[in-house]
Amino acid sequence: MSQESGTSLDTYSTNHEIGQDNVRFLGLDVHNPVFLISGTLIVAFVVFTLIFPDQAAVYFGELRPWITAKFDWVFMYSANFFVLFCIALIFSPLGRIRLGGPDARPQYSFLSWVAMLFAAGIGIGIMFYAVLEPMNHFLKPALGMEYATDDAAREFALAATVYHWALHPWAIYSVVGLALGFFCFNKGLPLVIRSTFYPLLGERIWGWPGHIIDILAVLATMFGLATSLGFGAEQAAGGLSYLYGISAGGFVNIVVVAVITLIALISVMRGLDGGIKKLSEINMIIALFLGLFVLWMGSTTESLINIFDNTVTYVRYLPALSEWRGRDDYYYMHDWTTFYWSWWVAFSPFVGMFIARISMGRTVRQYMLGTMLAPSFIFMAWMTVFGGFAMDQYVTDGYTGVVDTVQNWQPELSLFAFLAELPLSGLTSVIGIILVLVFFVTSMDSGSLIVDTMTAGGKIQTPVAQRIFWCVFLGLLGAALLLGGGLASLQALALTTGFPFCIIMVFMCFSTLKGMVEEYRSESKG
């Protein structure tokens, strides 16, 4: 989008056009030096990890605990700040600003919009963690809940799980999405992370300060996506092993990554509406079917009541779970919360840019309420139905299948062990694998699309070969990390790339606020 396409009353004055710094060769149209540096670093990382997997595993294994111990407070307080920032915008006069200008209208219906948020955001995660995490927090409680009654422990376990999947992650995504949408659609700047710093850096965003911001965003996105894809591959391979006796391991994981990369390539070539949108809607229908089935098999009325009760419990424990000082439950805060916040931050350039692309026409207030509350409610309900039922299986029926997967640290099997106790377990387990794989495809598809946009200087219409390049290397990156230390490597890289981008996001908030105040004053005068 060029400057002239902005529809606000006060577009930024800049002589810089999209493509001015682009290099065209071999049919490609890429931004120099963002594509060159980020692409080279990714390729070098993949090659190193594949050639020296043992050394990579040792290095990544040491990296994660060091970052969580040294910088946990940065992630904890930054995530809280993002939530408060989003809430403040909802209730402020700035909430009336419309992305795209006063006359813009939404391109997608509310349901299609939410479906794409859900599928491209953290869909793989809820398949991986919906049963595992509540049971883990029930068996290993935080905040001194070790001696609580079973009922209280179950309530807290769900609250501690929802804390990682509701307001905080969606505030992180919303901040980036709002900044990108506002500066692109209202101020006529390219759809790249550097654009969000124009009020603070001015024309310097076109120089090395902007290059560095975009390169960090690309690296964070690639490693954040690789983490999700690694979880998806582990779970799909684990499901095949659990159901059909196919030996799970490195080779099977790599085959899964290769097959899904191939399917994602087909989706990439079909584009946003023909690929991601249709897959997202299909996945929402399949997920709804599985969720309703599990709800029906359990205590339906009690589960529906528990959704409300767990929301209240989540709000009650929210201040204590969000605090950094005085905590001694380091297992929960470091191995779970700090990792999650870094993962969401690393994921935020991708999800934020994707949200921005599908959110033009909505007011800031509509945008914030939609992106924070709709997905939060979905995850609240999903975790309550699946996690609550799994804990009931253990406490009431004495079934230890899920408990064994937690205690033996076989997280990829938790969902399938849970479904094994229900009727039609073979069918529902296959549906679970399909959901994981389709979430896998939509994440790779939309991720490669977004990374391509970032490395093409904000261009939306780029040669298909560029999106294919990023899709292929995203698959290679996930495969390399699985070979070079497995889930520990995935988590370590999410932390490493998430930390610098977390600092960038804090400044992004102030830059966005400055730009929106200028916009509000211009519209008020007009």
Protein backbone atom coordinates (compact mmCIF):
# COMPACT_ATOMS: atom_id res chain seq x y z
CA MET A 1 0.00 0.00 0.00
CA SER A 2 1.40 3.35 -0.96
CA GLN A 3 1.01 6.53 0.92
CA GLU A 4 -1.85 7.75 -1.27
CA SER A 5 -4.06 4.78 -0.36
CA GLY A 6 -4.42 5.89 3.25
CA THR A 7 -7.89 7.29 3.92
CA SER A 8 -7.36 9.11 7.20
CA LEU A 9 -7.50 12.85 7.60
CA ASP A 10 -3.82 13.01 8.49
CA THR A 11 -1.67 10.56 6.56
CA TYR A 12 2.04 10.77 7.25
CA SER A 13 4.16 12.79 4.86
CA THR A 14 6.83 10.55 3.40
CA ASN A 15 8.56 10.29 0.08
CA HIS A 16 9.28 6.61 0.62
CA GLU A 17 7.30 4.16 -1.49
CA ILE A 18 6.91 0.40 -1.19
CA GLY A 19 9.45 -1.38 -3.34
CA GLN A 20 11.93 1.51 -3.35
CA ASP A 21 14.51 -0.66 -1.57
CA ASN A 22 13.45 -3.92 -3.21
CA VAL A 23 15.77 -6.05 -5.30
CA ARG A 24 14.39 -7.99 -8.26
CA PHE A 25 16.20 -11.09 -9.47
CA LEU A 26 15.26 -14.58 -10.71
CA GLY A 27 11.61 -13.55 -10.70
CA LEU A 28 11.68 -12.54 -7.01
CA ASP A 29 10.80 -9.14 -5.53
CA VAL A 30 12.39 -8.87 -2.08
CA HIS A 31 13.42 -6.13 0.32
CA ASN A 32 17.10 -5.55 0.76
CA PRO A 33 18.61 -6.11 3.31
CA VAL A 34 15.74 -7.63 5.36
CA PHE A 35 15.26 -10.65 3.10
CA LEU A 36 19.00 -11.22 2.65
CA ILE A 37 19.96 -11.07 6.34
CA SER A 38 16.95 -12.89 7.81
CA GLY A 39 16.98 -15.52 5.05
CA THR A 40 20.71 -16.13 5.48
CA LEU A 41 20.39 -16.46 9.26
CA ILE A 42 17.52 -18.95 8.95
CA VAL A 43 19.35 -21.05 6.35
CA ALA A 44 22.56 -21.01 8.42
CA PHE A 45 20.66 -22.03 11.53
CA VAL A 46 18.95 -24.94 9.74
CA VAL A 47 22.26 -26.16 8.30
CA PHE A 48 24.06 -25.92 11.66
CA THR A 49 21.30 -27.75 13.55
CA LEU A 50 21.09 -30.54 10.97
CA ILE A 51 24.90 -31.03 10.86
CA PHE A 52 25.47 -30.77 14.64
CA PRO A 53 22.21 -31.94 16.28
CA ASP A 54 23.83 -33.11 19.52
CA GLN A 55 25.68 -29.84 20.10
CA ALA A 56 22.52 -27.91 19.26
CA ALA A 57 20.52 -29.95 21.76
CA VAL A 58 23.02 -29.22 24.55
CA TYR A 59 23.16 -25.51 23.77
CA PHE A 60 19.38 -25.09 23.56
CA GLY A 61 18.90 -27.14 26.71
CA GLU A 62 21.08 -24.69 28.67
CA LEU A 63 19.66 -21.58 27.02
CA ARG A 64 16.05 -21.90 28.14
CA PRO A 65 16.55 -22.05 31.96
CA TRP A 66 19.07 -19.21 31.81
CA ILE A 67 16.63 -16.87 30.01
CA THR A 68 13.68 -17.76 32.25
CA ALA A 69 15.70 -17.23 35.42
CA LYS A 70 17.22 -13.91 34.33
CA PHE A 71 14.38 -12.24 32.45
CA ASP A 72 11.16 -13.69 33.86
CA TRP A 73 10.21 -10.26 35.26
CA VAL A 74 10.44 -8.68 31.78
CA PHE A 75 7.90 -11.09 30.33
CA MET A 76 5.61 -11.00 33.37
CA TYR A 77 5.31 -7.21 33.63
CA SER A 78 5.28 -6.60 29.87
CA ALA A 79 2.36 -8.99 29.37
CA ASN A 80 0.44 -7.24 32.16
CA PHE A 81 1.15 -3.88 30.55
CA PHE A 82 -0.23 -5.08 27.20
CA VAL A 83 -3.49 -6.19 28.83
CA LEU A 84 -3.93 -2.85 30.59
CA PHE A 85 -3.06 -0.97 27.39
CA CYS A 86 -5.77 -2.81 25.43
CA ILE A 87 -8.40 -2.31 28.14
CA ALA A 88 -7.58 1.39 28.30
CA LEU A 89 -8.11 1.75 24.53
CA ILE A 90 -11.52 0.04 24.74
CA PHE A 91 -12.79 2.60 27.22
CA SER A 92 -11.00 5.64 25.81
CA PRO A 93 -12.32 8.01 23.11
CA LEU A 94 -9.63 6.55 20.82
CA GLY A 95 -11.82 3.46 20.54
CA ARG A 96 -13.98 5.31 17.99
CA ILE A 97 -11.17 5.43 15.42
CA ARG A 98 -11.91 3.11 12.50
CA LEU A 99 -9.12 1.09 10.87
CA GLY A 100 -9.03 2.29 7.28
CA GLY A 101 -10.68 5.63 7.90
CA PRO A 102 -14.24 6.78 8.73
CA ASP A 103 -15.81 5.24 5.60
CA ALA A 104 -14.12 1.81 5.74
CA ARG A 105 -16.24 -1.30 6.38
CA PRO A 106 -15.23 -4.88 7.36
CA GLN A 107 -14.28 -7.24 4.55
CA TYR A 108 -15.19 -10.42 6.44
CA SER A 109 -18.21 -11.43 8.52
CA PHE A 110 -17.73 -11.67 12.28
CA LEU A 111 -17.81 -15.50 12.25
CA SER A 112 -15.29 -15.79 9.40
CA TRP A 113 -13.09 -13.22 11.14
CA VAL A 114 -13.13 -15.12 14.45
CA ALA A 115 -12.53 -18.44 12.65
CA MET A 116 -9.38 -17.07 11.02
CA LEU A 117 -8.20 -15.56 14.33
CA PHE A 118 -8.70 -18.92 16.01
CA ALA A 119 -7.07 -21.10 13.34
CA ALA A 120 -4.10 -18.87 12.51
CA GLY A 121 -3.49 -17.89 16.15
CA ILE A 122 -2.91 -20.74 18.59
CA GLY A 123 -5.15 -23.51 17.32
CA ILE A 124 -2.41 -26.16 17.45
CA GLY A 125 -1.75 -25.21 21.06
CA ILE A 126 -5.23 -25.98 22.36
CA MET A 127 -5.13 -29.42 20.79
CA PHE A 128 -1.78 -30.07 22.48
CA TYR A 129 -2.51 -28.52 25.87
CA ALA A 130 -6.31 -28.75 26.43
CA VAL A 131 -6.04 -31.97 28.43
CA LEU A 132 -2.36 -31.91 29.38
CA GLU A 133 -2.14 -28.52 31.07
CA PRO A 134 -5.16 -28.64 33.44
CA MET A 135 -4.11 -32.10 34.61
CA ASN A 136 -0.53 -30.93 35.10
CA HIS A 137 -1.62 -27.96 37.23
CA PHE A 138 -3.96 -30.24 39.21
CA LEU A 139 -1.09 -32.62 40.01
CA LYS A 140 1.52 -29.85 40.52
CA PRO A 141 -0.38 -26.82 41.83
CA ALA A 142 1.06 -23.30 41.98
CA LEU A 143 0.52 -20.47 44.51
CA GLY A 144 0.65 -22.81 47.51
CA MET A 145 -2.43 -24.82 46.48
CA GLU A 146 -0.77 -28.18 47.22
CA TYR A 147 -3.08 -28.93 50.15
CA ALA A 148 -6.33 -27.71 48.64
CA THR A 149 -9.36 -29.97 48.38
CA ASP A 150 -9.96 -31.77 45.08
CA ASP A 151 -12.73 -29.35 44.12
CA ALA A 152 -10.62 -26.30 44.90
CA ALA A 153 -7.60 -27.82 43.18
CA ARG A 154 -9.64 -28.50 40.03
CA GLU A 155 -10.97 -24.95 39.97
CA PHE A 156 -7.49 -23.53 40.39
CA ALA A 157 -5.99 -25.86 37.76
CA LEU A 158 -8.45 -24.57 35.17
CA ALA A 159 -7.89 -20.94 36.23
CA ALA A 160 -4.12 -21.43 35.99
CA THR A 161 -4.59 -22.91 32.49
CA VAL A 162 -6.97 -20.24 31.23
CA TYR A 163 -4.53 -17.60 32.48
CA HIS A 164 -2.14 -18.71 29.72
CA TRP A 165 -4.75 -18.78 26.94
CA ALA A 166 -7.22 -15.96 27.49
CA LEU A 167 -6.60 -12.23 27.91
CA HIS A 168 -2.80 -12.07 28.01
CA PRO A 169 -1.96 -13.81 24.71
CA TRP A 170 -4.72 -12.00 22.86
CA ALA A 171 -3.63 -8.65 24.27
CA ILE A 172 -0.14 -9.38 22.92
CA TYR A 173 -1.54 -10.19 19.49
CA SER A 174 -3.97 -7.27 19.56
CA VAL A 175 -1.24 -4.72 20.27
CA VAL A 176 0.76 -5.72 17.20
CA GLY A 177 -2.30 -6.13 14.99
CA LEU A 178 -3.71 -2.75 15.95
CA ALA A 179 -0.39 -0.97 15.39
CA LEU A 180 0.07 -2.52 11.96
CA GLY A 181 -3.54 -1.98 10.90
CA PHE A 182 -3.59 1.62 12.06
CA PHE A 183 -0.31 2.73 10.47
CA CYS A 184 -1.01 0.87 7.24
CA PHE A 185 -4.70 1.56 6.65
CA ASN A 186 -4.95 4.97 8.32
CA LYS A 187 -1.51 6.45 7.73
CA GLY A 188 -0.63 4.94 4.36
CA LEU A 189 2.55 3.17 5.50
CA PRO A 190 3.66 -0.32 4.41
CA LEU A 191 2.35 -3.35 6.30
CA VAL A 192 5.63 -4.03 8.09
CA ILE A 193 6.65 -3.77 11.74
CA ARG A 194 8.94 -0.79 11.18
CA SER A 195 5.94 1.31 10.13
CA THR A 196 4.58 1.19 13.68
CA PHE A 197 7.55 3.28 14.87
CA TYR A 198 7.05 6.26 12.57
CA PRO A 199 5.86 8.60 15.37
CA LEU A 200 9.03 7.81 17.34
CA LEU A 201 11.66 7.41 14.59
CA GLY A 202 10.21 9.37 11.69
CA GLU A 203 11.98 8.83 8.35
CA ARG A 204 14.68 6.80 10.12
CA ILE A 205 12.39 3.76 9.90
CA TRP A 206 13.59 3.42 6.27
CA GLY A 207 17.20 3.04 7.44
CA TRP A 208 19.00 0.55 9.68
CA PRO A 209 16.78 1.10 12.74
CA GLY A 210 13.84 -0.08 10.62
CA HIS A 211 15.85 -2.90 9.04
CA ILE A 212 16.79 -4.27 12.48
CA ILE A 213 13.20 -4.09 13.72
CA ASP A 214 11.93 -6.02 10.70
CA ILE A 215 14.72 -8.61 10.86
CA LEU A 216 13.97 -9.30 14.53
CA ALA A 217 10.28 -9.59 13.65
CA VAL A 218 11.03 -12.15 10.91
CA LEU A 219 13.26 -14.23 13.21
CA ALA A 220 10.72 -14.11 16.05
CA THR A 221 7.95 -15.14 13.68
CA MET A 222 9.86 -18.04 12.16
CA PHE A 223 10.94 -19.48 15.52
CA GLY A 224 7.53 -18.87 17.11
CA LEU A 225 5.87 -20.69 14.23
CA ALA A 226 8.45 -23.47 14.33
CA THR A 227 7.58 -24.01 17.99
CA SER A 228 3.89 -24.47 17.18
CA LEU A 229 4.64 -26.68 14.21
CA GLY A 230 6.94 -28.80 16.33
CA PHE A 231 4.19 -29.33 18.88
CA GLY A 232 1.79 -30.21 16.09
CA ALA A 233 4.18 -32.73 14.52
CA GLU A 234 4.88 -34.35 17.89
CA GLN A 235 1.17 -34.71 18.64
CA ALA A 236 0.21 -36.00 15.20
CA ALA A 237 3.05 -38.56 15.29
CA GLY A 238 2.10 -39.51 18.86
CA GLY A 239 -1.51 -40.00 17.82
CA LEU A 240 -0.49 -42.28 14.94
CA SER A 241 1.65 -44.27 17.36
CA TYR A 242 -1.11 -44.47 19.97
CA LEU A 243 -3.79 -45.54 17.47
CA TYR A 244 -1.92 -47.66 14.97
CA GLY A 245 1.31 -48.66 16.67
CA ILE A 246 3.47 -46.64 14.27
CA SER A 247 6.75 -46.05 16.08
CA ALA A 248 6.93 -42.42 17.13
CA GLY A 249 10.28 -40.72 16.86
CA GLY A 250 12.44 -38.41 14.82
CA PHE A 251 11.80 -40.05 11.47
CA VAL A 252 8.01 -40.08 11.84
CA ASN A 253 8.03 -36.47 13.06
CA ILE A 254 10.02 -35.40 10.00
CA VAL A 255 7.67 -37.28 7.67
CA VAL A 256 4.69 -35.50 9.27
CA VAL A 257 6.40 -32.12 8.83
CA ALA A 258 7.20 -32.95 5.19
CA VAL A 259 3.65 -34.03 4.33
CA ILE A 260 2.07 -31.00 5.97
CA THR A 261 4.58 -28.68 4.32
CA LEU A 262 3.51 -30.09 0.96
CA ILE A 263 -0.18 -29.54 1.75
CA ALA A 264 0.61 -26.03 3.02
CA LEU A 265 2.37 -25.26 -0.25
CA ILE A 266 -0.83 -26.07 -2.13
CA SER A 267 -2.78 -23.80 0.21
CA VAL A 268 -0.18 -21.03 -0.21
CA MET A 269 -0.66 -21.08 -3.96
CA ARG A 270 -4.45 -20.73 -3.55
CA GLY A 271 -4.10 -17.46 -1.63
CA LEU A 272 -5.83 -16.00 1.45
CA ASP A 273 -9.49 -16.49 0.50
CA GLY A 274 -9.04 -19.73 -1.42
CA GLY A 275 -6.73 -21.38 1.13
CA ILE A 276 -6.55 -20.02 4.67
CA LYS A 277 -10.15 -18.76 4.91
CA LYS A 278 -11.72 -22.02 3.74
CA LEU A 279 -9.43 -24.20 5.86
CA SER A 280 -10.09 -22.03 8.93
CA GLU A 281 -13.85 -22.32 8.54
CA ILE A 282 -13.65 -26.09 7.98
CA ASN A 283 -11.46 -26.47 11.06
CA MET A 284 -13.85 -24.44 13.21
CA ILE A 285 -16.71 -26.77 12.21
CA ILE A 286 -14.67 -29.90 12.96
CA ALA A 287 -13.47 -28.44 16.30
CA LEU A 288 -17.06 -27.51 17.20
CA PHE A 289 -18.18 -31.09 16.47
CA LEU A 290 -15.44 -32.57 18.68
CA GLY A 291 -16.10 -30.05 21.46
CA LEU A 292 -19.85 -30.72 21.45
CA PHE A 293 -19.23 -34.49 21.47
CA VAL A 294 -16.99 -34.26 24.54
CA LEU A 295 -19.48 -31.90 26.20
CA TRP A 296 -22.31 -34.38 25.54
CA MET A 297 -20.32 -37.34 26.89
CA GLY A 298 -19.59 -35.54 30.13
CA SER A 299 -21.90 -33.86 32.58
CA THR A 300 -23.27 -31.33 30.10
CA THR A 301 -25.16 -29.09 32.51
CA GLU A 302 -22.34 -29.11 35.04
CA SER A 303 -19.77 -28.30 32.34
CA LEU A 304 -21.80 -25.32 31.13
CA ILE A 305 -22.09 -24.05 34.69
CA ASN A 306 -18.38 -24.63 35.19
CA ILE A 307 -17.57 -22.37 32.24
CA PHE A 308 -19.10 -19.49 34.18
CA ASP A 309 -17.62 -20.61 37.51
CA ASN A 310 -14.14 -21.02 36.03
CA THR A 311 -14.35 -17.55 34.52
CA VAL A 312 -15.02 -16.14 37.97
CA THR A 313 -12.18 -18.22 39.45
CA TYR A 314 -9.83 -17.05 36.71
CA VAL A 315 -10.63 -13.40 37.46
CA ARG A 316 -10.16 -14.05 41.19
CA TYR A 317 -6.70 -15.56 40.77
CA LEU A 318 -5.63 -13.23 37.95
CA PRO A 319 -3.78 -10.69 40.16
CA ALA A 320 -1.84 -13.38 42.03
CA LEU A 321 -0.93 -15.29 38.86
CA SER A 322 0.19 -12.05 37.19
CA GLU A 323 2.48 -10.95 40.02
CA TRP A 324 6.23 -11.54 39.82
CA ARG A 325 7.38 -10.51 43.28
CA GLY A 326 7.17 -12.93 46.19
CA ARG A 327 6.67 -16.01 44.02
CA ASP A 328 8.32 -19.32 44.89
CA ASP A 329 6.36 -21.51 42.46
CA TYR A 330 9.15 -21.31 39.90
CA TYR A 331 8.09 -24.46 38.07
CA TYR A 332 4.79 -22.86 37.11
CA MET A 333 6.12 -19.34 36.55
CA HIS A 334 9.24 -20.34 34.58
CA ASP A 335 8.37 -23.57 32.78
CA TRP A 336 4.87 -22.42 31.92
CA THR A 337 4.10 -18.70 32.21
CA THR A 338 7.44 -17.26 31.09
CA PHE A 339 7.63 -19.72 28.21
CA TYR A 340 4.06 -18.95 27.13
CA TRP A 341 4.56 -15.19 27.19
CA SER A 342 7.75 -15.48 25.13
CA TRP A 343 6.00 -17.85 22.71
CA TRP A 344 3.08 -15.48 22.24
CA VAL A 345 5.43 -12.53 21.77
CA ALA A 346 7.46 -14.47 19.20
CA PHE A 347 4.20 -15.40 17.49
CA SER A 348 2.85 -11.83 17.59
CA PRO A 349 4.41 -10.37 14.41
CA PHE A 350 2.81 -13.20 12.42
CA VAL A 351 -0.58 -13.25 14.16
CA GLY A 352 -0.66 -9.46 14.53
CA MET A 353 0.04 -8.88 10.84
CA PHE A 354 -2.51 -11.52 9.88
CA ILE A 355 -5.13 -9.93 12.17
CA ALA A 356 -4.35 -6.52 10.69
CA ARG A 357 -4.87 -7.80 7.14
CA ILE A 358 -8.36 -9.14 7.95
CA SER A 359 -9.53 -6.36 10.32
CA MET A 360 -9.77 -3.24 8.15
CA GLY A 361 -13.12 -1.49 8.60
CA ARG A 362 -13.58 -2.23 12.30
CA THR A 363 -13.32 0.44 14.96
CA VAL A 364 -10.54 0.16 17.52
CA ARG A 365 -13.16 -0.66 20.16
CA GLN A 366 -14.76 -3.38 18.02
CA TYR A 367 -11.33 -4.71 17.13
CA MET A 368 -10.15 -4.92 20.75
CA LEU A 369 -13.37 -6.45 22.06
CA GLY A 370 -13.41 -8.98 19.23
CA THR A 371 -9.76 -10.02 19.31
CA MET A 372 -9.58 -10.25 23.10
CA LEU A 373 -12.99 -11.55 24.19
CA ALA A 374 -14.15 -13.89 21.39
CA PRO A 375 -11.02 -16.11 21.33
CA SER A 376 -10.72 -15.91 25.13
CA PHE A 377 -14.26 -17.26 25.51
CA ILE A 378 -13.56 -20.07 23.03
CA PHE A 379 -10.47 -21.14 24.94
CA MET A 380 -12.23 -20.77 28.28
CA ALA A 381 -15.00 -23.10 27.14
CA TRP A 382 -12.65 -25.55 25.42
CA MET A 383 -10.28 -25.90 28.37
CA THR A 384 -13.18 -26.27 30.81
CA VAL A 385 -14.87 -29.00 28.76
CA PHE A 386 -11.73 -31.01 27.97
CA GLY A 387 -9.58 -30.30 31.02
CA GLY A 388 -12.47 -30.48 33.49
CA PHE A 389 -13.65 -33.80 32.06
CA ALA A 390 -10.11 -35.25 32.17
CA MET A 391 -9.77 -34.36 35.86
CA ASP A 392 -13.18 -35.90 36.55
CA GLN A 393 -12.00 -39.11 34.87
CA TYR A 394 -9.15 -39.24 37.38
CA VAL A 395 -10.81 -38.01 40.59
CA THR A 396 -14.24 -39.63 40.16
CA ASP A 397 -13.57 -42.69 37.99
CA GLY A 398 -9.98 -43.42 38.98
CA TYR A 399 -8.78 -43.46 35.36
CA THR A 400 -5.03 -42.76 35.26
CA GLY A 401 -4.37 -42.71 31.50
CA VAL A 402 -3.97 -38.93 31.26
CA VAL A 403 -2.11 -38.79 34.60
CA ASP A 404 0.44 -41.27 33.26
CA THR A 405 1.13 -39.12 30.20
CA VAL A 406 1.75 -36.12 32.47
CA GLN A 407 3.92 -37.92 35.00
CA ASN A 408 5.95 -39.72 32.31
CA TRP A 409 6.15 -36.50 30.27
CA GLN A 410 4.47 -37.80 27.13
CA PRO A 411 2.50 -34.61 26.39
CA GLU A 412 1.73 -35.57 22.80
CA LEU A 413 -0.38 -38.51 24.07
CA SER A 414 -2.56 -36.72 26.66
CA LEU A 415 -5.44 -35.93 24.28
CA PHE A 416 -5.56 -39.47 22.90
CA ALA A 417 -5.40 -41.05 26.37
CA PHE A 418 -8.36 -38.85 27.35
CA LEU A 419 -10.41 -39.76 24.27
CA ALA A 420 -9.67 -43.47 24.77
CA GLU A 421 -12.12 -43.56 27.69
CA LEU A 422 -14.98 -42.17 25.59
CA PRO A 423 -17.23 -43.94 23.05
CA LEU A 424 -16.07 -43.83 19.42
CA SER A 425 -12.52 -43.22 20.62
CA GLY A 426 -11.03 -44.40 17.33
CA LEU A 427 -13.09 -41.90 15.35
CA THR A 428 -12.59 -38.97 17.74
CA SER A 429 -8.84 -39.60 17.90
CA VAL A 430 -8.65 -39.50 14.11
CA ILE A 431 -10.63 -36.25 14.19
CA GLY A 432 -8.14 -34.93 16.75
CA ILE A 433 -5.24 -35.76 14.42
CA ILE A 434 -7.04 -34.10 11.50
CA LEU A 435 -7.59 -30.95 13.57
CA VAL A 436 -3.91 -30.82 14.51
CA LEU A 437 -2.86 -31.27 10.90
CA VAL A 438 -5.25 -28.63 9.53
CA PHE A 439 -4.18 -26.16 12.23
CA PHE A 440 -0.65 -27.06 11.18
CA VAL A 441 -1.44 -26.23 7.53
CA THR A 442 -3.21 -22.92 8.27
CA SER A 443 -0.34 -21.80 10.51
CA MET A 444 2.28 -22.63 7.88
CA ASP A 445 0.20 -21.10 5.10
CA SER A 446 -0.58 -17.83 6.86
CA GLY A 447 2.88 -17.72 8.44
CA SER A 448 4.73 -17.97 5.14
CA LEU A 449 2.37 -15.36 3.68
CA ILE A 450 3.12 -12.93 6.50
CA VAL A 451 6.89 -13.51 6.55
CA ASP A 452 6.92 -12.96 2.79
CA THR A 453 5.11 -9.65 3.28
CA MET A 454 7.65 -8.56 5.90
CA THR A 455 10.63 -9.48 3.72
CA ALA A 456 9.10 -7.84 0.62
CA GLY A 457 8.89 -4.39 2.21
CA GLY A 458 5.17 -4.67 2.96
CA LYS A 459 4.05 -5.80 -0.48
CA ILE A 460 0.95 -7.99 -0.37
CA GLN A 461 1.00 -9.11 -4.00
CA THR A 462 4.34 -10.90 -4.42
CA PRO A 463 5.61 -13.74 -6.62
CA VAL A 464 4.34 -17.13 -5.43
CA ALA A 465 7.92 -18.43 -5.44
CA GLN A 466 8.74 -16.21 -2.45
CA ARG A 467 5.92 -17.64 -0.34
CA ILE A 468 7.01 -21.13 -1.37
CA PHE A 469 10.57 -20.33 -0.20
CA TRP A 470 9.38 -19.31 3.27
CA CYS A 471 6.94 -22.20 3.55
CA VAL A 472 9.67 -24.72 2.72
CA PHE A 473 12.17 -23.19 5.13
CA LEU A 474 9.57 -22.98 7.86
CA GLY A 475 9.12 -26.74 7.49
CA LEU A 476 12.90 -27.25 7.47
CA LEU A 477 13.28 -25.07 10.56
CA GLY A 478 10.68 -27.09 12.49
CA ALA A 479 12.32 -30.35 11.38
CA ALA A 480 15.79 -29.10 12.33
CA LEU A 481 14.67 -28.07 15.81
CA LEU A 482 12.93 -31.40 16.39
CA LEU A 483 16.13 -33.20 15.45
CA GLY A 484 18.31 -30.82 17.47
CA GLY A 485 16.78 -31.32 20.92
CA GLY A 486 13.06 -31.75 20.35
CA LEU A 487 10.57 -29.68 22.35
CA ALA A 488 13.30 -28.22 24.58
CA SER A 489 14.97 -26.67 21.52
CA LEU A 490 11.67 -25.31 20.25
CA GLN A 491 10.93 -23.67 23.58
CA ALA A 492 14.46 -22.26 23.93
CA LEU A 493 14.35 -20.58 20.52
CA ALA A 494 10.89 -19.10 21.21
CA LEU A 495 12.29 -17.57 24.41
CA THR A 496 15.43 -16.28 22.69
CA THR A 497 13.65 -14.51 19.85
CA GLY A 498 10.70 -13.45 21.98
CA PHE A 499 12.79 -11.47 24.47
CA PRO A 500 14.09 -8.68 22.17
CA PHE A 501 10.73 -8.39 20.43
CA CYS A 502 9.02 -8.02 23.81
CA ILE A 503 11.04 -4.83 24.37
CA ILE A 504 10.16 -3.65 20.86
CA MET A 505 6.47 -4.16 21.61
CA VAL A 506 6.56 -1.94 24.69
CA PHE A 507 7.86 0.96 22.59
CA MET A 508 5.36 0.04 19.88
CA CYS A 509 2.52 0.74 22.33
CA PHE A 510 3.76 4.27 23.01
CA SER A 511 4.28 4.90 19.30
CA THR A 512 0.77 3.64 18.48
CA LEU A 513 -0.75 5.78 21.22
CA LYS A 514 1.03 8.87 19.89
CA GLY A 515 -0.19 8.20 16.35
CA MET A 516 -3.77 7.52 17.45
CA VAL A 517 -3.96 10.68 19.52
CA GLU A 518 -2.91 12.64 16.40
CA GLU A 519 -5.59 10.79 14.37
CA TYR A 520 -8.30 11.47 16.96
CA ARG A 521 -7.49 15.18 17.04
CA SER A 522 -7.54 15.36 13.23
CA GLU A 523 -10.92 13.64 13.01
CA SER A 524 -12.33 15.86 15.77
CA LYS A 525 -11.25 18.98 13.87
CA GLY A 526 -12.65 17.60 10.63
